[in-house]
């Protein structure tokens, strides 16, 4: 990412088959949110990338629950580039297991969990 202002948005659909069209419109309940950087622009939260391309975002969106956001997509776009809104990042909001509760196997041949596999790799260094 280049230095600049970017928009974080939550969209209706969690479909990544043809980003950004397949993400659908901005989630209607998110559309009334705004940020302190640009309060007149609703439906996006603005963040700033520095010279190294690093942008950090920590925020609370009041009035929305985690349950209604799971499965929806997020987009990070350019915010003020001649009306163009290039997508830099797209993701899906998902629920995760608690710490050490992910019992999925890394390899079906060994049957080891992520945590067992990690412990073996670290002990062999």
Protein backbone atom coordinates (compact mmCIF):
# COMPACT_ATOMS: atom_id res chain seq x y z
CA UNK A 1 0.00 0.00 0.00
CA UNK A 2 1.14 3.50 -0.68
CA UNK A 3 0.98 6.26 1.91
CA UNK A 4 -2.55 7.63 2.02
CA UNK A 5 -6.09 7.41 3.33
CA UNK A 6 -8.03 4.17 2.87
CA UNK A 7 -11.61 3.13 3.61
CA UNK A 8 -12.59 0.03 5.60
CA UNK A 9 -16.07 -1.25 4.69
CA UNK A 10 -18.29 -4.16 5.70
CA UNK A 11 -20.32 -5.56 2.79
CA UNK A 12 -23.52 -7.63 2.64
CA UNK A 13 -22.06 -10.79 1.06
CA UNK A 14 -19.06 -12.97 1.83
CA UNK A 15 -18.53 -13.99 -1.81
CA UNK A 16 -14.98 -13.56 -3.15
CA UNK A 17 -15.62 -14.94 -6.63
CA UNK A 18 -15.45 -11.50 -8.30
CA UNK A 19 -14.29 -8.83 -5.83
CA UNK A 20 -15.67 -6.19 -5.34
CA UNK A 21 -18.89 -6.81 -7.32
CA UNK A 22 -19.56 -10.18 -5.65
CA UNK A 23 -19.29 -8.61 -2.17
CA UNK A 24 -22.58 -6.80 -2.73
CA UNK A 25 -23.41 -3.37 -1.34
CA UNK A 26 -22.14 -1.97 1.95
CA UNK A 27 -23.97 -3.77 4.79
CA UNK A 28 -27.08 -1.69 5.47
CA UNK A 29 -26.58 -1.57 9.26
CA UNK A 30 -22.94 -0.50 8.74
CA UNK A 31 -23.99 2.19 6.25
CA UNK A 32 -24.94 4.62 9.02
CA UNK A 33 -21.50 4.43 10.68
CA UNK A 34 -18.88 7.12 10.17
CA UNK A 35 -15.36 7.93 11.34
CA UNK A 36 -13.84 10.92 13.07
CA UNK A 37 -11.53 11.59 10.08
CA UNK A 38 -14.44 12.18 7.68
CA UNK A 39 -17.73 12.25 9.62
CA UNK A 40 -19.87 13.25 6.61
CA UNK A 41 -18.94 10.03 4.76
CA UNK A 42 -21.08 7.19 6.10
CA UNK A 43 -20.61 3.47 5.57
CA UNK A 44 -16.84 3.44 5.80
CA UNK A 45 -14.22 3.86 8.49
CA UNK A 46 -11.09 5.65 7.33
CA UNK A 47 -7.54 4.61 8.14
CA UNK A 48 -4.19 6.07 7.23
CA UNK A 49 -1.21 4.18 5.76
CA UNK A 50 2.24 5.56 6.58
CA UNK A 51 5.37 5.75 4.37
CA UNK A 52 6.05 2.03 4.91
CA UNK A 53 2.54 1.08 3.77
CA UNK A 54 1.47 0.12 7.29
CA UNK A 55 -2.09 0.92 8.32
CA UNK A 56 -3.59 -0.10 11.65
CA UNK A 57 -7.23 -0.12 12.66
CA UNK A 58 -8.81 -0.73 16.04
CA UNK A 59 -12.37 0.42 16.49
CA UNK A 60 -15.70 -0.31 18.07
CA UNK A 61 -18.81 -0.21 15.92
CA UNK A 62 -21.74 0.41 18.22
CA UNK A 63 -25.10 -1.24 17.57
CA UNK A 64 -23.78 -4.25 15.63
CA UNK A 65 -23.34 -7.76 17.01
CA UNK A 66 -20.69 -10.28 16.06
CA UNK A 67 -23.40 -12.76 15.06
CA UNK A 68 -24.79 -10.47 12.37
CA UNK A 69 -21.31 -9.77 10.93
CA UNK A 70 -20.05 -13.37 10.61
CA UNK A 71 -19.92 -14.37 6.95
CA UNK A 72 -19.91 -10.81 5.61
CA UNK A 73 -16.97 -9.45 3.64
CA UNK A 74 -14.64 -6.59 4.45
CA UNK A 75 -12.91 -4.39 1.90
CA UNK A 76 -10.07 -1.91 2.24
CA UNK A 77 -10.16 0.57 -0.65
CA UNK A 78 -8.59 3.83 -1.68
CA UNK A 79 -10.72 6.58 -0.20
CA UNK A 80 -10.14 9.73 -2.23
CA UNK A 81 -8.61 8.88 -5.60
CA UNK A 82 -10.54 10.82 -8.25
CA UNK A 83 -13.73 8.90 -7.50
CA UNK A 84 -12.00 5.56 -8.14
CA UNK A 85 -12.11 3.05 -5.31
CA UNK A 86 -9.39 0.47 -5.91
CA UNK A 87 -9.63 -2.57 -3.61
CA UNK A 88 -6.40 -3.37 -1.76
CA UNK A 89 -7.65 -6.03 0.63
CA UNK A 90 -10.70 -8.24 0.94
CA UNK A 91 -11.58 -10.66 3.72
CA UNK A 92 -14.46 -12.47 5.36
CA UNK A 93 -15.47 -12.03 8.99
CA UNK A 94 -15.37 -15.45 10.63
CA UNK A 95 -15.71 -16.97 14.06
CA UNK A 96 -12.60 -18.63 15.44
CA UNK A 97 -12.17 -21.31 18.04
CA UNK A 98 -10.78 -20.40 21.44
CA UNK A 99 -7.07 -20.64 22.12
CA UNK A 100 -5.81 -24.23 21.62
CA UNK A 101 -9.33 -25.39 20.71
CA UNK A 102 -8.62 -25.85 16.99
CA UNK A 103 -8.38 -29.61 16.63
CA UNK A 104 -8.11 -29.65 12.84
CA UNK A 105 -5.34 -31.89 11.54
CA UNK A 106 -2.41 -30.49 9.56
CA UNK A 107 -1.70 -33.78 7.83
CA UNK A 108 -4.11 -36.67 7.50
CA UNK A 109 -1.15 -39.08 7.42
CA UNK A 110 0.03 -38.13 10.95
CA UNK A 111 -3.30 -36.98 12.35
CA UNK A 112 -1.53 -34.30 14.40
CA UNK A 113 -3.30 -31.06 15.33
CA UNK A 114 -1.90 -27.64 14.51
CA UNK A 115 -0.65 -27.32 18.09
CA UNK A 116 1.09 -30.74 18.09
CA UNK A 117 2.68 -30.03 14.72
CA UNK A 118 3.90 -26.62 15.95
CA UNK A 119 5.40 -28.14 19.12
CA UNK A 120 7.28 -30.76 17.09
CA UNK A 121 8.66 -28.17 14.66
CA UNK A 122 9.81 -25.88 17.48
CA UNK A 123 11.49 -28.71 19.41
CA UNK A 124 13.47 -29.80 16.33
CA UNK A 125 15.12 -26.36 15.94
